[in-house]
Structure formats: C-alpha cells, structure tokens
Amino acid sequence: MVKFRELGFESFDQYKAHFLDTLLLSNKTYEYFVDWGKVKKNLNKYLDELSLLNSLTKVSATERINYLHNLLLKHPRVIEVIPMLVAERVKNKKLDIFNPEFETFISFEFKQSNVNEEVVPKIVEFCSKTGIMDLFQEVKDVYDYLLGVEVGLDTNARKNRSGKIFEKMCQEKIRKLIGMRYNIVNNDPKFSLYPILPVRKGKRRSKGKTHDVVVYKDDKPILIVECNFYNTTGSKPTSIAESYMEMHRVAQEQKINFLWVTDGPAWRDMEESLVRGMSKIDFVLNYRMLNLIETILKII
C-alpha cells in the first residue's frame, strides 16, 4: 500500500484525491511537435542528390523521363531519394507494390549499387505511376518539398516522443531536487533489478531492464524510478501498472526502494487500475507531486 501517511496525507482517500486533482492535462513541451534535428539530418545527407533532382523542375514534361533515366545512370545515389518523394520509409531499400490487374507484386530496389540499364527503366516507371514525375512540374524546390514531407512523417513519432519527453521531464526535476546530495544515473546500463539475460547466439549480453532513474548513495542503489505518461485509456496503462507491481516486489527482495511516477488525464478514467497499483506499491507520485521524492529519501 502507498505510504500516504509518510508522504504527509491523513488518509488514502485524501492522497488519491490529491493525485487525481494534480494530474497534468498534457506533457506537450516545445520539443513535442517536431524533431527538427532529425528532420534536417534526414535531408542533409542527400543535399547533392536533391540539387540534382531539382534540375528536373527545369525540364519540360516531354523530356523529363529521358532526363531522369540519364540522371540515375550518371548519379546512382539519386535512387535512394526516390522513396522519400512519396513519403515512404523503405526497409532494406526495397519496396513491393501490388499490381491488382495481374494480382502480382512488383519489387523495386532503391540501392545505389543496383543501378544499371535494366533497373533504371523500372524506377522511372515507378516515378511515373506514383505521380513523382508530375511533382517536378508542381514544385520549385525539392528540398523545401521534402522538408514538409519529413515534418509530416515526424509526427508519426510523436507517440514515442511523448513518453521520452515525460521521462526527461522527470529526470531533470529529480536531478534539480536531489542532485547535490545523491548520485543520479539516468538509464543506467550497468544496473538492473533483473538478472542479466542469457547470451543468445550472435548477440551481446544485455541487462533485462534499464531503469529511467537510479538513485545511488555511497555507490549503492537505494531508489529505482520509472516514469510514464498516458493521454488515452487502454490496455497498456493497465498492463504497465501490473508490471510495476511486480517490479516493486523484486526491488523489495533486493532491499531497494521503488518509485512509480505516472501522470496524464487517462488515469481519471482508469481509477480502478491506478488504485490497484497504489495498493501494492509503496510510492506512486505524479509529476507535480515529485517534490515528495525528498521525503521518500528521508524515510527509506
């Protein structure tokens, strides 16, 4: 059970009410919207190729197919940029397209090493049928166009970025609160509550779990902190609560304390799962309550 009295609350109901009343409505910081560093990195490694593709915007529609054919043969690395023009991330530089007319798949490989007189016509056909050739009629600068494409693709990463942002928020707040008195290691690769996983053939040995924050005193881990944020309800928050109950048990066996920092509006609609976690874990705080980590370190 959450040690609500030690945290300064007269009853569990008072503690729970305070937890729910102080939940963050959102964790959208300025970093949430676009990872500009990643967007520019994706484009800047192809600056020369983008400049070459820009020449297609200056060529008439009737000449464009032959021009692209010759361009690919002279500058094979241009082929790697083609999927980016249709906002596609290709694995292993390969893309399979289904042809409903013949009910077959056509494979396209966008590898610089594969460019030859046989492959190039297929790539040009891909560009024609996907509308890329028409694109060169509409845009003035391929770099500017792809900048918008990459920003759009980056929004798909917001869900993962949201979790990382909250983790970073908590890590920075913990360091600010107690960093002068304790050694704090974020995502410590050298320590885990769980045993080292067996070595698999061809793979390096790894830890079972890397914790968001490990607080050390006199070179000994005294507190493990896990952080997560939920905007929407679902099965994941419930399963996470269950896994952290188990993590708390494992920590107790190793005489290490465990703190679960969780937040987000979803918990207001999943109170049952939250309370179940609170019934098994000694310390459960939200972001605004994280100041109580100083109290936790005094009583453990």
Protein backbone atom coordinates (compact mmCIF):
# COMPACT_ATOMS: atom_id res chain seq x y z
CA MET A 1 0.00 0.00 0.00
CA VAL A 2 1.19 3.52 -0.80
CA LYS A 3 2.73 5.05 2.33
CA PHE A 4 0.39 8.01 2.23
CA ARG A 5 0.90 8.98 5.89
CA GLU A 6 4.65 9.13 5.48
CA LEU A 7 4.05 11.35 2.44
CA GLY A 8 2.02 13.78 4.55
CA PHE A 9 -1.58 12.72 3.91
CA GLU A 10 -4.13 11.86 6.61
CA SER A 11 -5.89 9.14 4.60
CA PHE A 12 -5.59 7.16 1.40
CA ASP A 13 -8.66 8.96 0.02
CA GLN A 14 -7.01 12.32 0.61
CA TYR A 15 -3.83 11.12 -1.11
CA LYS A 16 -5.76 9.67 -4.07
CA ALA A 17 -7.85 12.82 -4.47
CA HIS A 18 -4.72 14.97 -4.46
CA PHE A 19 -3.07 12.68 -7.03
CA LEU A 20 -6.04 12.88 -9.40
CA ASP A 21 -6.54 16.63 -8.88
CA THR A 22 -2.94 17.43 -9.78
CA LEU A 23 -2.60 15.33 -12.93
CA LEU A 24 -1.16 17.13 -15.94
CA LEU A 25 -3.58 17.74 -18.79
CA SER A 26 -0.74 17.25 -21.29
CA ASN A 27 3.00 16.76 -21.48
CA LYS A 28 3.41 18.61 -24.76
CA THR A 29 6.56 20.68 -24.35
CA TYR A 30 8.16 22.66 -27.18
CA GLU A 31 10.13 19.53 -28.08
CA TYR A 32 6.97 17.50 -28.68
CA PHE A 33 5.89 18.85 -32.05
CA VAL A 34 8.84 18.37 -34.44
CA ASP A 35 12.28 16.87 -34.00
CA TRP A 36 13.96 19.39 -36.28
CA GLY A 37 17.39 17.85 -35.75
CA LYS A 38 16.20 14.50 -37.10
CA VAL A 39 14.28 16.11 -39.96
CA LYS A 40 17.30 18.10 -41.17
CA LYS A 41 19.66 15.17 -40.68
CA ASN A 42 17.48 13.00 -42.94
CA LEU A 43 17.67 15.60 -45.69
CA ASN A 44 21.18 16.96 -45.33
CA LYS A 45 22.81 13.62 -46.09
CA TYR A 46 21.28 13.88 -49.58
CA LEU A 47 21.95 17.55 -50.36
CA ASP A 48 23.85 16.81 -53.58
CA GLU A 49 21.21 14.38 -54.80
CA LEU A 50 18.41 16.84 -54.04
CA SER A 51 20.20 19.50 -56.04
CA LEU A 52 20.40 17.10 -58.97
CA LEU A 53 16.70 16.27 -58.69
CA ASN A 54 15.95 19.98 -58.66
CA SER A 55 17.14 20.11 -62.26
CA LEU A 56 14.05 18.08 -63.19
CA THR A 57 11.85 21.03 -62.24
CA LYS A 58 13.51 22.99 -65.06
CA VAL A 59 12.98 20.32 -67.72
CA SER A 60 9.87 20.17 -69.89
CA ALA A 61 7.40 17.35 -69.26
CA THR A 62 8.21 15.71 -72.60
CA GLU A 63 11.91 15.49 -71.80
CA ARG A 64 11.64 14.62 -68.14
CA ILE A 65 11.56 10.80 -68.45
CA ASN A 66 14.72 10.64 -70.55
CA TYR A 67 16.38 13.20 -68.31
CA LEU A 68 15.64 11.17 -65.17
CA HIS A 69 16.83 7.99 -66.88
CA ASN A 70 20.20 9.56 -67.67
CA LEU A 71 20.42 11.27 -64.30
CA LEU A 72 20.07 7.95 -62.46
CA LEU A 73 22.75 6.33 -64.59
CA LYS A 74 25.20 9.21 -64.10
CA HIS A 75 24.45 9.70 -60.40
CA PRO A 76 23.24 6.34 -58.97
CA ARG A 77 22.85 7.60 -55.39
CA VAL A 78 19.86 9.70 -56.51
CA ILE A 79 17.85 6.46 -56.49
CA GLU A 80 17.91 6.41 -52.67
CA VAL A 81 15.94 9.67 -52.55
CA ILE A 82 13.07 8.45 -54.73
CA PRO A 83 11.00 6.78 -51.93
CA MET A 84 11.29 9.94 -49.83
CA LEU A 85 9.39 11.83 -52.54
CA VAL A 86 6.29 9.72 -51.80
CA ALA A 87 6.78 9.87 -48.02
CA GLU A 88 7.86 6.24 -47.78
CA ARG A 89 10.40 4.78 -45.38
CA VAL A 90 11.79 1.70 -47.11
CA LYS A 91 13.35 -1.15 -45.19
CA ASN A 92 16.48 -2.59 -46.77
CA LYS A 93 15.93 -0.09 -49.61
CA LYS A 94 13.26 -2.37 -51.07
CA LEU A 95 9.59 -1.75 -51.79
CA ASP A 96 6.92 -4.18 -53.02
CA ILE A 97 3.98 -2.80 -54.99
CA PHE A 98 0.82 -4.81 -55.62
CA ASN A 99 -0.49 -4.81 -59.17
CA PRO A 100 -4.26 -5.54 -58.95
CA GLU A 101 -4.55 -6.09 -62.71
CA PHE A 102 -2.27 -9.13 -62.65
CA GLU A 103 -2.62 -9.85 -58.92
CA THR A 104 1.13 -9.91 -58.51
CA PHE A 105 3.75 -7.94 -56.61
CA ILE A 106 6.45 -5.89 -58.30
CA SER A 107 9.66 -5.37 -56.34
CA PHE A 108 11.61 -2.14 -56.59
CA GLU A 109 15.09 -1.80 -55.12
CA PHE A 110 16.41 1.66 -54.39
CA LYS A 111 20.05 0.69 -53.97
CA GLN A 112 22.85 2.70 -55.46
CA SER A 113 24.82 -0.49 -56.13
CA ASN A 114 21.99 -1.95 -58.23
CA VAL A 115 21.63 0.92 -60.71
CA ASN A 116 22.09 -0.25 -64.30
CA GLU A 117 20.40 -0.07 -67.71
CA GLU A 118 17.95 -2.82 -66.70
CA VAL A 119 16.90 -1.36 -63.33
CA VAL A 120 16.60 2.31 -64.27
CA PRO A 121 13.53 1.94 -66.57
CA LYS A 122 11.67 0.23 -63.71
CA ILE A 123 12.49 3.12 -61.36
CA VAL A 124 11.40 5.65 -63.98
CA GLU A 125 8.15 3.72 -64.39
CA PHE A 126 7.69 3.80 -60.59
CA CYS A 127 8.14 7.57 -60.67
CA SER A 128 5.59 7.93 -63.47
CA LYS A 129 2.92 5.73 -61.92
CA THR A 130 3.24 7.18 -58.41
CA GLY A 131 2.98 10.78 -59.69
CA ILE A 132 6.57 11.76 -58.91
CA MET A 133 7.14 12.91 -62.49
CA ASP A 134 4.16 15.26 -62.19
CA LEU A 135 5.54 16.51 -58.89
CA PHE A 136 8.52 18.07 -60.67
CA GLN A 137 6.03 20.15 -62.62
CA GLU A 138 4.45 21.49 -59.42
CA VAL A 139 7.34 22.17 -57.02
CA LYS A 140 10.09 24.75 -57.38
CA ASP A 141 12.50 23.29 -54.85
CA VAL A 142 12.70 19.61 -53.99
CA TYR A 143 14.47 20.32 -50.67
CA ASP A 144 11.62 22.56 -49.48
CA TYR A 145 9.08 19.95 -50.56
CA LEU A 146 10.90 17.16 -48.71
CA LEU A 147 11.27 19.35 -45.65
CA GLY A 148 7.47 19.38 -45.43
CA VAL A 149 7.31 15.63 -46.09
CA GLU A 150 9.80 14.89 -43.32
CA VAL A 151 7.93 17.11 -40.87
CA GLY A 152 4.76 15.19 -41.68
CA LEU A 153 6.47 11.82 -41.23
CA ASP A 154 7.97 13.00 -37.96
CA THR A 155 4.50 13.50 -36.47
CA ASN A 156 4.17 9.70 -36.53
CA ALA A 157 6.94 9.59 -33.93
CA ARG A 158 5.09 11.85 -31.51
CA LYS A 159 3.66 8.96 -29.52
CA ASN A 160 7.14 7.62 -28.72
CA ARG A 161 8.49 11.13 -28.27
CA SER A 162 5.74 11.88 -25.75
CA GLY A 163 6.99 9.12 -23.44
CA LYS A 164 10.60 10.22 -23.80
CA ILE A 165 9.67 13.83 -23.08
CA PHE A 166 7.93 12.91 -19.83
CA GLU A 167 10.85 10.69 -18.84
CA LYS A 168 13.23 13.60 -19.46
CA MET A 169 10.97 16.00 -17.53
CA CYS A 170 11.09 13.69 -14.51
CA GLN A 171 14.82 13.07 -14.78
CA GLU A 172 15.56 16.79 -14.86
CA LYS A 173 13.23 17.54 -11.94
CA ILE A 174 14.72 14.74 -9.82
CA ARG A 175 18.25 15.98 -10.52
CA LYS A 176 17.23 19.53 -9.63
CA LEU A 177 15.62 18.39 -6.35
CA ILE A 178 18.25 15.97 -5.01
CA GLY A 179 21.20 16.07 -7.37
CA MET A 180 23.51 17.82 -4.92
CA ARG A 181 23.10 15.10 -2.28
CA TYR A 182 22.80 11.89 -4.28
CA ASN A 183 24.35 10.35 -7.36
CA ILE A 184 21.67 10.11 -10.02
CA VAL A 185 22.12 7.98 -13.14
CA ASN A 186 19.57 8.09 -15.95
CA ASN A 187 19.02 4.83 -17.88
CA ASP A 188 22.00 3.26 -16.13
CA PRO A 189 23.35 0.48 -18.41
CA LYS A 190 25.31 -1.05 -15.54
CA PHE A 191 22.44 -1.78 -13.16
CA SER A 192 19.11 -3.57 -13.35
CA LEU A 193 16.76 -5.11 -10.81
CA TYR A 194 16.57 -8.10 -13.10
CA PRO A 195 19.33 -10.62 -13.82
CA ILE A 196 21.42 -10.42 -16.94
CA LEU A 197 19.68 -12.18 -19.80
CA PRO A 198 21.34 -15.32 -21.22
CA VAL A 199 23.61 -14.75 -24.18
CA ARG A 200 21.94 -15.56 -27.49
CA LYS A 201 23.97 -16.78 -30.40
CA GLY A 202 25.47 -13.85 -32.27
CA LYS A 203 24.25 -11.29 -29.72
CA ARG A 204 25.92 -9.45 -26.89
CA ARG A 205 24.93 -9.99 -23.28
CA SER A 206 22.40 -7.41 -22.10
CA LYS A 207 20.53 -6.33 -18.99
CA GLY A 208 16.95 -7.39 -18.51
CA LYS A 209 15.77 -3.83 -17.92
CA THR A 210 17.22 -0.33 -17.96
CA HIS A 211 15.54 1.91 -15.39
CA ASP A 212 14.62 5.53 -16.09
CA VAL A 213 16.42 6.76 -12.96
CA VAL A 214 18.65 5.05 -10.41
CA VAL A 215 19.49 6.99 -7.24
CA TYR A 216 22.73 5.97 -5.53
CA LYS A 217 24.04 6.69 -2.06
CA ASP A 218 27.60 5.68 -1.18
CA ASP A 219 27.78 3.86 -4.53
CA LYS A 220 24.78 1.68 -3.63
CA PRO A 221 21.43 1.89 -5.45
CA ILE A 222 18.74 2.94 -2.99
CA LEU A 223 15.88 4.01 -5.24
CA ILE A 224 14.63 2.97 -8.69
CA VAL A 225 12.32 5.39 -10.55
CA GLU A 226 10.12 4.52 -13.53
CA CYS A 227 8.18 7.24 -15.37
CA ASN A 228 5.32 7.15 -17.87
CA PHE A 229 2.54 9.39 -19.16
CA TYR A 230 -0.86 8.42 -20.59
CA ASN A 231 -3.09 10.71 -22.62
CA THR A 232 -5.60 8.00 -23.51
CA THR A 233 -7.06 4.95 -21.83
CA GLY A 234 -6.41 1.41 -22.98
CA SER A 235 -4.86 -1.90 -22.04
CA LYS A 236 -1.27 -0.62 -21.92
CA PRO A 237 -1.59 1.54 -18.77
CA THR A 238 -3.26 -1.37 -17.02
CA SER A 239 -0.52 -3.82 -18.02
CA ILE A 240 2.16 -1.30 -17.03
CA ALA A 241 0.58 -0.98 -13.59
CA GLU A 242 0.69 -4.77 -13.22
CA SER A 243 4.34 -4.93 -14.33
CA TYR A 244 5.34 -2.21 -11.86
CA MET A 245 3.67 -4.07 -9.02
CA GLU A 246 5.97 -6.97 -9.87
CA MET A 247 8.95 -4.63 -10.19
CA HIS A 248 8.20 -3.24 -6.73
CA ARG A 249 8.22 -6.78 -5.34
CA VAL A 250 11.56 -7.57 -6.97
CA ALA A 251 13.01 -4.31 -5.63
CA GLN A 252 11.90 -5.16 -2.11
CA GLU A 253 13.61 -8.54 -2.35
CA GLN A 254 16.84 -6.75 -3.24
CA LYS A 255 16.32 -4.18 -0.45
CA ILE A 256 15.95 -1.35 -2.96
CA ASN A 257 13.06 1.10 -2.97
CA PHE A 258 10.83 1.69 -5.97
CA LEU A 259 9.05 4.87 -7.08
CA TRP A 260 6.49 4.92 -9.88
CA VAL A 261 5.98 8.39 -11.39
CA THR A 262 2.96 8.35 -13.65
CA ASP A 263 0.74 11.08 -14.99
CA GLY A 264 -1.75 12.05 -17.66
CA PRO A 265 -5.51 12.61 -17.99
CA ALA A 266 -6.13 8.94 -18.84
CA TRP A 267 -5.84 7.95 -15.17
CA ARG A 268 -9.04 9.81 -14.32
CA ASP A 269 -10.91 7.22 -16.41
CA MET A 270 -8.86 4.27 -15.19
CA GLU A 271 -9.03 4.84 -11.47
CA GLU A 272 -9.52 1.15 -10.72
CA SER A 273 -6.21 0.17 -12.34
CA LEU A 274 -4.45 3.09 -10.66
CA VAL A 275 -5.75 2.18 -7.21
CA ARG A 276 -4.75 -1.45 -7.73
CA GLY A 277 -1.20 -0.26 -8.39
CA MET A 278 -1.30 2.01 -5.37
CA SER A 279 -2.43 -0.90 -3.21
CA LYS A 280 0.78 -2.81 -3.97
CA ILE A 281 3.44 -0.11 -4.48
CA ASP A 282 4.87 1.96 -1.62
CA PHE A 283 5.46 5.14 -3.61
CA VAL A 284 3.31 6.38 -6.51
CA LEU A 285 3.56 10.05 -7.47
CA ASN A 286 2.60 12.24 -10.39
CA TYR A 287 4.86 14.96 -11.84
CA ARG A 288 3.59 17.77 -9.61
CA MET A 289 3.97 15.55 -6.53
CA LEU A 290 7.55 14.66 -7.43
CA ASN A 291 8.81 17.17 -4.85
CA LEU A 292 7.94 14.45 -2.33
CA ILE A 293 10.97 12.46 -3.51
CA GLU A 294 12.91 14.35 -0.83
CA THR A 295 10.50 13.00 1.80
CA ILE A 296 10.84 9.48 0.36
CA LEU A 297 14.63 9.58 0.63
CA LYS A 298 14.38 10.66 4.26
CA ILE A 299 12.13 7.76 5.28
CA ILE A 300 13.66 4.88 3.32
